[in-house]
Amino acid sequence: MRIVTRGDMDGLASSVLLSTVENIRDILFVHPKDAQDGLIQATKEDILVNLPYVKGCAMWFDHHISESEKAVEIQKIKDFKGAYKMSPSTARVIHDFYNSPKFAEFKGMMESTDRFDSAHLTVKDVNEPKDWILLAYTLDPRTGLGPEFQKYFRWLVEYVKEIPIQKVLQHPLVKKRADKVLTEQAGFKKILAKHCRLDDNVVITDLRELSELPSGNRFLVFTLFPKANVEARIFWGKERKKAVIACGHSIFNRTCLVNIGNLLAKYGGGGHAGAGTCQISQEKADATFKEIIKKLNENKSASAK
């Protein structure tokens, strides 16, 4: 079997679990937008993980709210196996589906994956990440950690099965990435301070002027703007062909009413209730960004109702 997933902590934990109970020969990384737009072909050897469903796959596991309506029909397919449900992480969906005693040794990994993927983190987790949370930041594609990522990810899937997380973080391949995350965090804060502004309840972040970003986790912005309950961020996608708009609820001020996954699904994207992305053409990027910000302003918080 081949795992088809995205390269983040949820993808890693899911791959660890699946490779423990299935015969996995390879891991393929796919952008969720490509899966959503039908640009990916799946075979009866493919296990789709943490991605929109692709017809023809052998198994599918996901937990994104933007897939909930489609999941009802997808799960009726007779030659299809897997599971979809609302859960802190796709890894948890896989964990519950197999319910294997082999998973007992991965309890710490699972708890941290659930917390990281559902953004249930503390200020200390953001400013001083440790253990599995620190490892998760080295896997976050939004932190831009370089071209060796795929090799690093595949190696980690096997390495974390055998070695305690404290020793994993001391391995040179991991340590250089973890150190990069920690040392560049101050620089990333300065960039955010320059390119972010507060509009009522929304932190507006425009990074299109920048060609490169230092490593920095995506929750740092809410330590700088504690009154905000949601961020709307825009930056260039691959080869600047499209603009990526990413929105996410504050993990410290949890009062935003907007379902981000459903909102961005209207623009061809998707995600969770608390976070998601969409890709927009250059010509429509500014107008779409303003429209999304307006909707975030209009439904700003439970306390405002």
C-alpha atoms as a PDB file:
ATOM      1  CA  MET A   1       0.000   0.000   0.000  1.00  0.00           C
ATOM      2  CA  ARG A   2       0.987   3.632  -0.481  1.00  0.00           C
ATOM      3  CA  ILE A   3       0.079   6.473   1.880  1.00  0.00           C
ATOM      4  CA  VAL A   4      -1.003   9.680   0.148  1.00  0.00           C
ATOM      5  CA  THR A   5      -1.026  12.541   2.629  1.00  0.00           C
ATOM      6  CA  ARG A   6       0.204  16.034   3.483  1.00  0.00           C
ATOM      7  CA  GLY A   7       3.505  16.652   5.217  1.00  0.00           C
ATOM      8  CA  ASP A   8       2.527  17.802   8.687  1.00  0.00           C
ATOM      9  CA  MET A   9       2.330  16.360  12.196  1.00  0.00           C
ATOM     10  CA  ASP A  10      -1.046  14.771  11.546  1.00  0.00           C
ATOM     11  CA  GLY A  11       0.366  13.178   8.393  1.00  0.00           C
ATOM     12  CA  LEU A  12       3.362  11.888  10.348  1.00  0.00           C
ATOM     13  CA  ALA A  13       1.322  10.381  13.183  1.00  0.00           C
ATOM     14  CA  SER A  14      -1.127   8.886  10.682  1.00  0.00           C
ATOM     15  CA  SER A  15       1.766   7.353   8.715  1.00  0.00           C
ATOM     16  CA  VAL A  16       3.280   5.907  11.889  1.00  0.00           C
ATOM     17  CA  LEU A  17       0.002   4.212  12.788  1.00  0.00           C
ATOM     18  CA  LEU A  18      -0.757   2.943   9.297  1.00  0.00           C
ATOM     19  CA  SER A  19       2.759   1.580   8.768  1.00  0.00           C
ATOM     20  CA  THR A  20       2.347  -0.329  12.025  1.00  0.00           C
ATOM     21  CA  VAL A  21      -0.754  -2.219  10.848  1.00  0.00           C
ATOM     22  CA  GLU A  22      -0.461  -2.139   7.032  1.00  0.00           C
ATOM     23  CA  ASN A  23       2.292  -3.053   4.586  1.00  0.00           C
ATOM     24  CA  ILE A  24       3.348   0.418   3.411  1.00  0.00           C
ATOM     25  CA  ARG A  25       5.807   0.669   0.507  1.00  0.00           C
ATOM     26  CA  ASP A  26       5.850   4.445  -0.015  1.00  0.00           C
ATOM     27  CA  ILE A  27       4.514   7.839   1.090  1.00  0.00           C
ATOM     28  CA  LEU A  28       3.378  10.433  -1.436  1.00  0.00           C
ATOM     29  CA  PHE A  29       2.813  14.083  -0.520  1.00  0.00           C
ATOM     30  CA  VAL A  30      -0.112  15.883  -2.108  1.00  0.00           C
ATOM     31  CA  HIS A  31      -1.482  19.396  -1.778  1.00  0.00           C
ATOM     32  CA  PRO A  32      -5.124  19.227  -0.627  1.00  0.00           C
ATOM     33  CA  LYS A  33      -6.160  21.683  -3.358  1.00  0.00           C
ATOM     34  CA  ASP A  34      -4.847  19.332  -6.046  1.00  0.00           C
ATOM     35  CA  ALA A  35      -6.870  16.483  -4.543  1.00  0.00           C
ATOM     36  CA  GLN A  36      -9.931  18.723  -4.315  1.00  0.00           C
ATOM     37  CA  ASP A  37      -9.597  19.828  -7.959  1.00  0.00           C
ATOM     38  CA  GLY A  38      -9.287  16.289  -9.315  1.00  0.00           C
ATOM     39  CA  LEU A  39      -5.627  16.661 -10.313  1.00  0.00           C
ATOM     40  CA  ILE A  40      -4.602  13.547  -8.382  1.00  0.00           C
ATOM     41  CA  GLN A  41      -5.179   9.979  -9.558  1.00  0.00           C
ATOM     42  CA  ALA A  42      -5.637   7.278  -6.945  1.00  0.00           C
ATOM     43  CA  THR A  43      -5.329   3.506  -7.266  1.00  0.00           C
ATOM     44  CA  LYS A  44      -6.435   0.508  -5.243  1.00  0.00           C
ATOM     45  CA  GLU A  45      -3.077   0.597  -3.506  1.00  0.00           C
ATOM     46  CA  ASP A  46      -3.538   4.142  -2.160  1.00  0.00           C
ATOM     47  CA  ILE A  47      -4.579   5.142   1.350  1.00  0.00           C
ATOM     48  CA  LEU A  48      -5.653   8.794   1.315  1.00  0.00           C
ATOM     49  CA  VAL A  49      -4.953  10.506   4.629  1.00  0.00           C
ATOM     50  CA  ASN A  50      -5.916  13.990   5.788  1.00  0.00           C
ATOM     51  CA  LEU A  51      -6.948  14.956   2.241  1.00  0.00           C
ATOM     52  CA  PRO A  52     -10.168  15.400   0.251  1.00  0.00           C
ATOM     53  CA  TYR A  53     -11.499  12.112  -1.125  1.00  0.00           C
ATOM     54  CA  VAL A  54     -10.169  10.964  -4.521  1.00  0.00           C
ATOM     55  CA  LYS A  55     -12.198   8.407  -6.430  1.00  0.00           C
ATOM     56  CA  GLY A  56     -10.479   5.067  -6.915  1.00  0.00           C
ATOM     57  CA  CYS A  57      -8.484   4.957  -3.679  1.00  0.00           C
ATOM     58  CA  ALA A  58      -8.418   1.843  -1.515  1.00  0.00           C
ATOM     59  CA  MET A  59      -8.944   3.679   1.793  1.00  0.00           C
ATOM     60  CA  TRP A  60      -9.716   7.223   2.948  1.00  0.00           C
ATOM     61  CA  PHE A  61      -9.287   8.796   6.380  1.00  0.00           C
ATOM     62  CA  ASP A  62     -10.121  12.426   7.114  1.00  0.00           C
ATOM     63  CA  HIS A  63     -11.600  14.783   9.702  1.00  0.00           C
ATOM     64  CA  HIS A  64     -11.938  18.161   7.915  1.00  0.00           C
ATOM     65  CA  ILE A  65     -15.335  19.768   8.325  1.00  0.00           C
ATOM     66  CA  SER A  66     -15.315  20.934   4.703  1.00  0.00           C
ATOM     67  CA  GLU A  67     -15.592  17.264   3.670  1.00  0.00           C
ATOM     68  CA  SER A  68     -18.541  16.415   5.936  1.00  0.00           C
ATOM     69  CA  GLU A  69     -21.318  16.676   3.350  1.00  0.00           C
ATOM     70  CA  LYS A  70     -19.391  14.664   0.737  1.00  0.00           C
ATOM     71  CA  ALA A  71     -18.418  12.073   3.337  1.00  0.00           C
ATOM     72  CA  VAL A  72     -22.021  10.924   3.743  1.00  0.00           C
ATOM     73  CA  GLU A  73     -22.180   9.846   0.101  1.00  0.00           C
ATOM     74  CA  ILE A  74     -18.559   8.695  -0.122  1.00  0.00           C
ATOM     75  CA  GLN A  75     -18.989   6.221   2.737  1.00  0.00           C
ATOM     76  CA  LYS A  76     -21.772   4.460   0.793  1.00  0.00           C
ATOM     77  CA  ILE A  77     -19.293   3.277  -1.854  1.00  0.00           C
ATOM     78  CA  LYS A  78     -19.160  -0.523  -1.570  1.00  0.00           C
ATOM     79  CA  ASP A  79     -15.500  -1.043  -2.521  1.00  0.00           C
ATOM     80  CA  PHE A  80     -14.298   1.701  -0.226  1.00  0.00           C
ATOM     81  CA  LYS A  81     -12.826   1.349   3.256  1.00  0.00           C
ATOM     82  CA  GLY A  82     -11.736   3.841   5.873  1.00  0.00           C
ATOM     83  CA  ALA A  83     -13.442   6.397   8.070  1.00  0.00           C
ATOM     84  CA  TYR A  84     -14.466  10.032   8.262  1.00  0.00           C
ATOM     85  CA  LYS A  85     -15.558  11.754  11.444  1.00  0.00           C
ATOM     86  CA  MET A  86     -15.131  14.972  13.371  1.00  0.00           C
ATOM     87  CA  SER A  87     -12.043  14.401  15.480  1.00  0.00           C
ATOM     88  CA  PRO A  88      -9.047  16.376  16.804  1.00  0.00           C
ATOM     89  CA  SER A  89      -6.841  14.788  14.124  1.00  0.00           C
ATOM     90  CA  THR A  90      -6.975  12.325  11.261  1.00  0.00           C
ATOM     91  CA  ALA A  91      -4.493  10.212  13.219  1.00  0.00           C
ATOM     92  CA  ARG A  92      -7.170   9.835  15.899  1.00  0.00           C
ATOM     93  CA  VAL A  93      -9.657   8.670  13.232  1.00  0.00           C
ATOM     94  CA  ILE A  94      -7.149   6.010  12.142  1.00  0.00           C
ATOM     95  CA  HIS A  95      -6.369   5.088  15.754  1.00  0.00           C
ATOM     96  CA  ASP A  96     -10.050   4.487  16.523  1.00  0.00           C
ATOM     97  CA  PHE A  97     -10.722   2.680  13.215  1.00  0.00           C
ATOM     98  CA  TYR A  98      -8.083  -0.003  13.791  1.00  0.00           C
ATOM     99  CA  ASN A  99      -8.219  -0.001  17.599  1.00  0.00           C
ATOM    100  CA  SER A 100      -4.963  -1.940  17.590  1.00  0.00           C
ATOM    101  CA  PRO A 101      -3.083  -2.831  20.789  1.00  0.00           C
ATOM    102  CA  LYS A 102       0.079  -1.961  18.839  1.00  0.00           C
ATOM    103  CA  PHE A 103      -0.886   1.705  19.151  1.00  0.00           C
ATOM    104  CA  ALA A 104      -0.494   1.774  22.941  1.00  0.00           C
ATOM    105  CA  GLU A 105       3.173   2.830  22.714  1.00  0.00           C
ATOM    106  CA  PHE A 106       2.202   5.933  20.731  1.00  0.00           C
ATOM    107  CA  LYS A 107       0.044   7.530  23.420  1.00  0.00           C
ATOM    108  CA  GLY A 108       2.276  10.603  23.843  1.00  0.00           C
ATOM    109  CA  MET A 109       2.486  11.138  20.098  1.00  0.00           C
ATOM    110  CA  MET A 110      -1.294  10.864  19.753  1.00  0.00           C
ATOM    111  CA  GLU A 111      -2.076  13.303  22.560  1.00  0.00           C
ATOM    112  CA  SER A 112       0.304  15.898  21.117  1.00  0.00           C
ATOM    113  CA  THR A 113      -0.967  15.390  17.565  1.00  0.00           C
ATOM    114  CA  ASP A 114      -4.530  15.951  18.736  1.00  0.00           C
ATOM    115  CA  ARG A 115      -3.514  19.128  20.573  1.00  0.00           C
ATOM    116  CA  PHE A 116      -1.395  20.473  17.721  1.00  0.00           C
ATOM    117  CA  ASP A 117      -3.799  19.731  14.878  1.00  0.00           C
ATOM    118  CA  SER A 118      -6.790  21.128  16.786  1.00  0.00           C
ATOM    119  CA  ALA A 119      -4.667  24.095  17.990  1.00  0.00           C
ATOM    120  CA  HIS A 120      -5.304  23.425  21.685  1.00  0.00           C
ATOM    121  CA  LEU A 121      -1.959  24.866  22.721  1.00  0.00           C
ATOM    122  CA  THR A 122      -0.766  27.107  25.519  1.00  0.00           C
ATOM    123  CA  VAL A 123       1.238  30.331  25.176  1.00  0.00           C
ATOM    124  CA  LYS A 124       4.252  28.336  26.396  1.00  0.00           C
ATOM    125  CA  ASP A 125       3.681  25.744  23.656  1.00  0.00           C
ATOM    126  CA  VAL A 126       3.945  28.584  21.154  1.00  0.00           C
ATOM    127  CA  ASN A 127       6.845  30.544  22.638  1.00  0.00           C
ATOM    128  CA  GLU A 128       8.824  27.639  24.132  1.00  0.00           C
ATOM    129  CA  PRO A 129       7.789  24.446  22.286  1.00  0.00           C
ATOM    130  CA  LYS A 130       9.141  21.119  23.572  1.00  0.00           C
ATOM    131  CA  ASP A 131       8.970  17.381  22.832  1.00  0.00           C
ATOM    132  CA  TRP A 132       6.334  16.353  20.248  1.00  0.00           C
ATOM    133  CA  ILE A 133       5.069  19.925  19.890  1.00  0.00           C
ATOM    134  CA  LEU A 134       8.550  21.113  18.896  1.00  0.00           C
ATOM    135  CA  LEU A 135       8.828  18.229  16.441  1.00  0.00           C
ATOM    136  CA  ALA A 136       5.465  19.239  14.985  1.00  0.00           C
ATOM    137  CA  TYR A 137       6.792  22.718  14.207  1.00  0.00           C
ATOM    138  CA  THR A 138       9.644  21.176  12.206  1.00  0.00           C
ATOM    139  CA  LEU A 139       6.963  19.488  10.074  1.00  0.00           C
ATOM    140  CA  ASP A 140       4.658  22.445   9.571  1.00  0.00           C
ATOM    141  CA  PRO A 141       4.906  23.318   5.827  1.00  0.00           C
ATOM    142  CA  ARG A 142       4.029  26.933   6.669  1.00  0.00           C
ATOM    143  CA  THR A 143       7.355  27.271   8.474  1.00  0.00           C
ATOM    144  CA  GLY A 144       9.209  26.734   5.200  1.00  0.00           C
ATOM    145  CA  LEU A 145      11.965  24.363   6.193  1.00  0.00           C
ATOM    146  CA  GLY A 146      13.502  23.513   2.837  1.00  0.00           C
ATOM    147  CA  PRO A 147      13.779  20.992  -0.027  1.00  0.00           C
ATOM    148  CA  GLU A 148      14.938  18.014   2.049  1.00  0.00           C
ATOM    149  CA  PHE A 149      11.558  17.825   3.718  1.00  0.00           C
ATOM    150  CA  GLN A 150      10.204  14.664   2.028  1.00  0.00           C
ATOM    151  CA  LYS A 151      13.299  12.623   2.869  1.00  0.00           C
ATOM    152  CA  TYR A 152      13.192  13.953   6.431  1.00  0.00           C
ATOM    153  CA  PHE A 153       9.504  13.057   6.837  1.00  0.00           C
ATOM    154  CA  ARG A 154       9.847   9.505   5.561  1.00  0.00           C
ATOM    155  CA  TRP A 155      12.839   8.879   7.788  1.00  0.00           C
ATOM    156  CA  LEU A 156      10.978  10.231  10.836  1.00  0.00           C
ATOM    157  CA  VAL A 157       8.074   7.822  10.311  1.00  0.00           C
ATOM    158  CA  GLU A 158      10.391   4.920  11.110  1.00  0.00           C
ATOM    159  CA  TYR A 159      12.695   6.678  13.565  1.00  0.00           C
ATOM    160  CA  VAL A 160      10.017   7.806  16.042  1.00  0.00           C
ATOM    161  CA  LYS A 161       8.772   4.223  16.333  1.00  0.00           C
ATOM    162  CA  GLU A 162      12.034   3.143  17.894  1.00  0.00           C
ATOM    163  CA  ILE A 163      13.432   6.167  19.753  1.00  0.00           C
ATOM    164  CA  PRO A 164      11.960   8.257  22.642  1.00  0.00           C
ATOM    165  CA  ILE A 165      10.986  11.782  21.599  1.00  0.00           C
ATOM    166  CA  GLN A 166      13.679  13.411  23.771  1.00  0.00           C
ATOM    167  CA  LYS A 167      16.372  11.464  21.891  1.00  0.00           C
ATOM    168  CA  VAL A 168      14.649  12.072  18.551  1.00  0.00           C
ATOM    169  CA  LEU A 169      15.076  15.810  19.102  1.00  0.00           C
ATOM    170  CA  GLN A 170      18.812  15.306  19.703  1.00  0.00           C
ATOM    171  CA  HIS A 171      19.415  13.587  16.370  1.00  0.00           C
ATOM    172  CA  PRO A 172      21.351  15.980  14.062  1.00  0.00           C
ATOM    173  CA  LEU A 173      18.667  15.853  11.334  1.00  0.00           C
ATOM    174  CA  VAL A 174      15.976  16.884  13.805  1.00  0.00           C
ATOM    175  CA  LYS A 175      18.059  19.187  15.978  1.00  0.00           C
ATOM    176  CA  LYS A 176      19.095  21.466  13.112  1.00  0.00           C
ATOM    177  CA  ARG A 177      15.428  21.979  12.192  1.00  0.00           C
ATOM    178  CA  ALA A 178      14.309  22.407  15.795  1.00  0.00           C
ATOM    179  CA  ASP A 179      17.113  24.893  16.438  1.00  0.00           C
ATOM    180  CA  LYS A 180      16.111  26.792  13.302  1.00  0.00           C
ATOM    181  CA  VAL A 181      12.534  27.073  14.533  1.00  0.00           C
ATOM    182  CA  LEU A 182      13.639  28.342  17.936  1.00  0.00           C
ATOM    183  CA  THR A 183      16.400  30.736  16.845  1.00  0.00           C
ATOM    184  CA  GLU A 184      14.424  32.366  14.015  1.00  0.00           C
ATOM    185  CA  GLN A 185      11.301  32.880  16.072  1.00  0.00           C
ATOM    186  CA  ALA A 186      12.379  36.390  17.164  1.00  0.00           C
ATOM    187  CA  GLY A 187      12.964  37.406  13.536  1.00  0.00           C
ATOM    188  CA  PHE A 188       9.593  36.036  12.531  1.00  0.00           C
ATOM    189  CA  LYS A 189       7.911  38.093  15.260  1.00  0.00           C
ATOM    190  CA  LYS A 190       9.516  41.240  13.841  1.00  0.00           C
ATOM    191  CA  ILE A 191       8.193  40.439  10.372  1.00  0.00           C
ATOM    192  CA  LEU A 192       4.716  39.852  11.752  1.00  0.00           C
ATOM    193  CA  ALA A 193       4.820  43.131  13.648  1.00  0.00           C
ATOM    194  CA  LYS A 194       5.669  44.915  10.385  1.00  0.00           C
ATOM    195  CA  HIS A 195       3.215  43.164   8.081  1.00  0.00           C
ATOM    196  CA  CYS A 196       0.229  42.672  10.398  1.00  0.00           C
ATOM    197  CA  ARG A 197      -2.448  45.105  11.502  1.00  0.00           C
ATOM    198  CA  LEU A 198      -5.524  44.771  13.667  1.00  0.00           C
ATOM    199  CA  ASP A 199      -8.935  45.473  12.104  1.00  0.00           C
ATOM    200  CA  ASP A 200     -11.427  45.180  14.966  1.00  0.00           C
ATOM    201  CA  ASN A 201     -11.306  41.450  15.746  1.00  0.00           C
ATOM    202  CA  VAL A 202      -9.224  40.392  12.726  1.00  0.00           C
ATOM    203  CA  VAL A 203      -5.443  40.346  12.397  1.00  0.00           C
ATOM    204  CA  ILE A 204      -4.747  41.127   8.734  1.00  0.00           C
ATOM    205  CA  THR A 205      -1.405  39.744   7.555  1.00  0.00           C
ATOM    206  CA  ASP A 206      -0.120  40.501   4.039  1.00  0.00           C
ATOM    207  CA  LEU A 207       3.163  38.745   3.247  1.00  0.00           C
ATOM    208  CA  ARG A 208       3.120  39.167  -0.533  1.00  0.00           C
ATOM    209  CA  GLU A 209       6.044  41.586  -0.427  1.00  0.00           C
ATOM    210  CA  LEU A 210       8.321  38.888   0.956  1.00  0.00           C
ATOM    211  CA  SER A 211      10.068  36.305  -1.195  1.00  0.00           C
ATOM    212  CA  GLU A 212      11.296  34.293   1.801  1.00  0.00           C
ATOM    213  CA  LEU A 213      10.253  33.903   5.412  1.00  0.00           C
ATOM    214  CA  PRO A 214      12.220  32.798   8.428  1.00  0.00           C
ATOM    215  CA  SER A 215      10.893  29.780  10.281  1.00  0.00           C
ATOM    216  CA  GLY A 216       8.132  30.656  12.688  1.00  0.00           C
ATOM    217  CA  ASN A 217       5.017  28.908  13.895  1.00  0.00           C
ATOM    218  CA  ARG A 218       1.630  30.117  12.729  1.00  0.00           C
ATOM    219  CA  PHE A 219       0.308  30.823  16.240  1.00  0.00           C
ATOM    220  CA  LEU A 220       2.900  33.487  17.088  1.00  0.00           C
ATOM    221  CA  VAL A 221       0.699  36.203  15.623  1.00  0.00           C
ATOM    222  CA  PHE A 222      -1.842  35.742  18.420  1.00  0.00           C
ATOM    223  CA  THR A 223       0.787  36.377  21.084  1.00  0.00           C
ATOM    224  CA  LEU A 224       1.314  39.790  19.422  1.00  0.00           C
ATOM    225  CA  PHE A 225      -2.397  40.580  19.042  1.00  0.00           C
ATOM    226  CA  PRO A 226      -4.137  39.038  22.080  1.00  0.00           C
ATOM    227  CA  LYS A 227      -7.393  40.964  21.458  1.00  0.00           C
ATOM    228  CA  ALA A 228      -7.881  39.405  18.022  1.00  0.00           C
ATOM    229  CA  ASN A 229      -9.935  36.253  17.682  1.00  0.00           C
ATOM    230  CA  VAL A 230      -9.057  35.380  14.062  1.00  0.00           C
ATOM    231  CA  GLU A 231      -6.311  35.974  11.490  1.00  0.00           C
ATOM    232  CA  ALA A 232      -6.665  36.468   7.723  1.00  0.00           C
ATOM    233  CA  ARG A 233      -3.314  35.964   5.990  1.00  0.00           C
ATOM    234  CA  ILE A 234      -2.400  36.303   2.319  1.00  0.00           C
ATOM    235  CA  PHE A 235       0.835  35.243   0.605  1.00  0.00           C
ATOM    236  CA  TRP A 236       1.979  34.006  -2.779  1.00  0.00           C
ATOM    237  CA  GLY A 237       1.633  30.351  -3.684  1.00  0.00           C
ATOM    238  CA  LYS A 238       3.957  28.316  -5.877  1.00  0.00           C
ATOM    239  CA  GLU A 239       5.658  30.406  -8.584  1.00  0.00           C
ATOM    240  CA  ARG A 240       3.374  33.324  -7.600  1.00  0.00           C
ATOM    241  CA  LYS A 241       0.673  31.962  -9.905  1.00  0.00           C
ATOM    242  CA  LYS A 242      -1.982  32.249  -7.214  1.00  0.00           C
ATOM    243  CA  ALA A 243      -2.408  33.946  -3.875  1.00  0.00           C
ATOM    244  CA  VAL A 244      -3.015  31.745  -0.849  1.00  0.00           C
ATOM    245  CA  ILE A 245      -5.474  33.036   1.725  1.00  0.00           C
ATOM    246  CA  ALA A 246      -5.196  31.319   5.104  1.00  0.00           C
ATOM    247  CA  CYS A 247      -7.546  32.029   7.985  1.00  0.00           C
ATOM    248  CA  GLY A 248      -7.473  30.713  11.523  1.00  0.00           C
ATOM    249  CA  HIS A 249      -9.152  31.266  14.859  1.00  0.00           C
ATOM    250  CA  SER A 250      -7.028  32.559  17.704  1.00  0.00           C
ATOM    251  CA  ILE A 251      -6.056  29.700  19.980  1.00  0.00           C
ATOM    252  CA  PHE A 252      -6.100  32.026  22.998  1.00  0.00           C
ATOM    253  CA  ASN A 253      -9.225  34.131  22.356  1.00  0.00           C
ATOM    254  CA  ARG A 254     -11.695  31.456  21.240  1.00  0.00           C
ATOM    255  CA  THR A 255     -14.715  33.640  20.517  1.00  0.00           C
ATOM    256  CA  CYS A 256     -14.818  33.700  16.699  1.00  0.00           C
ATOM    257  CA  LEU A 257     -18.149  32.418  15.352  1.00  0.00           C
ATOM    258  CA  VAL A 258     -17.123  31.894  11.735  1.00  0.00           C
ATOM    259  CA  ASN A 259     -16.698  28.326  10.508  1.00  0.00           C
ATOM    260  CA  ILE A 260     -13.478  28.827   8.544  1.00  0.00           C
ATOM    261  CA  GLY A 261     -13.640  25.553   6.624  1.00  0.00           C
ATOM    262  CA  ASN A 262     -17.154  26.259   5.364  1.00  0.00           C
ATOM    263  CA  LEU A 263     -16.343  29.898   4.581  1.00  0.00           C
ATOM    264  CA  LEU A 264     -13.279  29.104   2.479  1.00  0.00           C
ATOM    265  CA  ALA A 265     -15.027  26.194   0.773  1.00  0.00           C
ATOM    266  CA  LYS A 266     -17.114  28.881  -0.964  1.00  0.00           C
ATOM    267  CA  TYR A 267     -13.898  30.105  -2.585  1.00  0.00           C
ATOM    268  CA  GLY A 268     -12.685  26.680  -3.686  1.00  0.00           C
ATOM    269  CA  GLY A 269     -10.777  25.905  -0.488  1.00  0.00           C
ATOM    270  CA  GLY A 270     -11.644  24.215   2.784  1.00  0.00           C
ATOM    271  CA  GLY A 271     -10.398  23.184   6.194  1.00  0.00           C
ATOM    272  CA  HIS A 272     -11.586  22.858   9.772  1.00  0.00           C
ATOM    273  CA  ALA A 273     -14.064  24.943  11.717  1.00  0.00           C
ATOM    274  CA  GLY A 274     -11.092  26.863  13.118  1.00  0.00           C
ATOM    275  CA  ALA A 275      -8.644  27.030  10.197  1.00  0.00           C
ATOM    276  CA  GLY A 276      -8.433  26.665   6.450  1.00  0.00           C
ATOM    277  CA  THR A 277      -7.029  27.916   3.164  1.00  0.00           C
ATOM    278  CA  CYS A 278      -8.021  28.743  -0.390  1.00  0.00           C
ATOM    279  CA  GLN A 279      -6.109  29.705  -3.532  1.00  0.00           C
ATOM    280  CA  ILE A 280      -7.191  32.692  -5.604  1.00  0.00           C
ATOM    281  CA  SER A 281      -6.002  34.044  -8.953  1.00  0.00           C
ATOM    282  CA  GLN A 282      -3.850  37.169  -8.865  1.00  0.00           C
ATOM    283  CA  GLU A 283      -6.607  39.206 -10.502  1.00  0.00           C
ATOM    284  CA  LYS A 284      -9.186  38.361  -7.839  1.00  0.00           C
ATOM    285  CA  ALA A 285      -6.889  38.116  -4.814  1.00  0.00           C
ATOM    286  CA  ASP A 286      -7.345  41.616  -3.371  1.00  0.00           C
ATOM    287  CA  ALA A 287     -11.122  41.685  -3.782  1.00  0.00           C
ATOM    288  CA  THR A 288     -11.541  38.178  -2.362  1.00  0.00           C
ATOM    289  CA  PHE A 289      -9.271  38.920   0.595  1.00  0.00           C
ATOM    290  CA  LYS A 290     -11.299  42.033   1.469  1.00  0.00           C
ATOM    291  CA  GLU A 291     -14.548  40.085   1.135  1.00  0.00           C
ATOM    292  CA  ILE A 292     -13.336  37.361   3.500  1.00  0.00           C
ATOM    293  CA  ILE A 293     -12.137  39.946   6.050  1.00  0.00           C
ATOM    294  CA  LYS A 294     -15.537  41.624   5.915  1.00  0.00           C
ATOM    295  CA  LYS A 295     -17.276  38.340   6.704  1.00  0.00           C
ATOM    296  CA  LEU A 296     -14.905  37.730   9.600  1.00  0.00           C
ATOM    297  CA  ASN A 297     -15.703  41.213  10.922  1.00  0.00           C
ATOM    298  CA  GLU A 298     -19.466  40.783  10.568  1.00  0.00           C
ATOM    299  CA  ASN A 299     -19.579  37.562  12.609  1.00  0.00           C
ATOM    300  CA  LYS A 300     -16.853  38.468  15.023  1.00  0.00           C
ATOM    301  CA  SER A 301     -17.666  36.851  18.328  1.00  0.00           C
ATOM    302  CA  ALA A 302     -20.159  35.173  20.601  1.00  0.00           C
ATOM    303  CA  SER A 303     -19.840  38.033  23.073  1.00  0.00           C
ATOM    304  CA  ALA A 304     -20.882  40.519  20.390  1.00  0.00           C
ATOM    305  CA  LYS A 305     -24.184  38.755  19.761  1.00  0.00           C
END
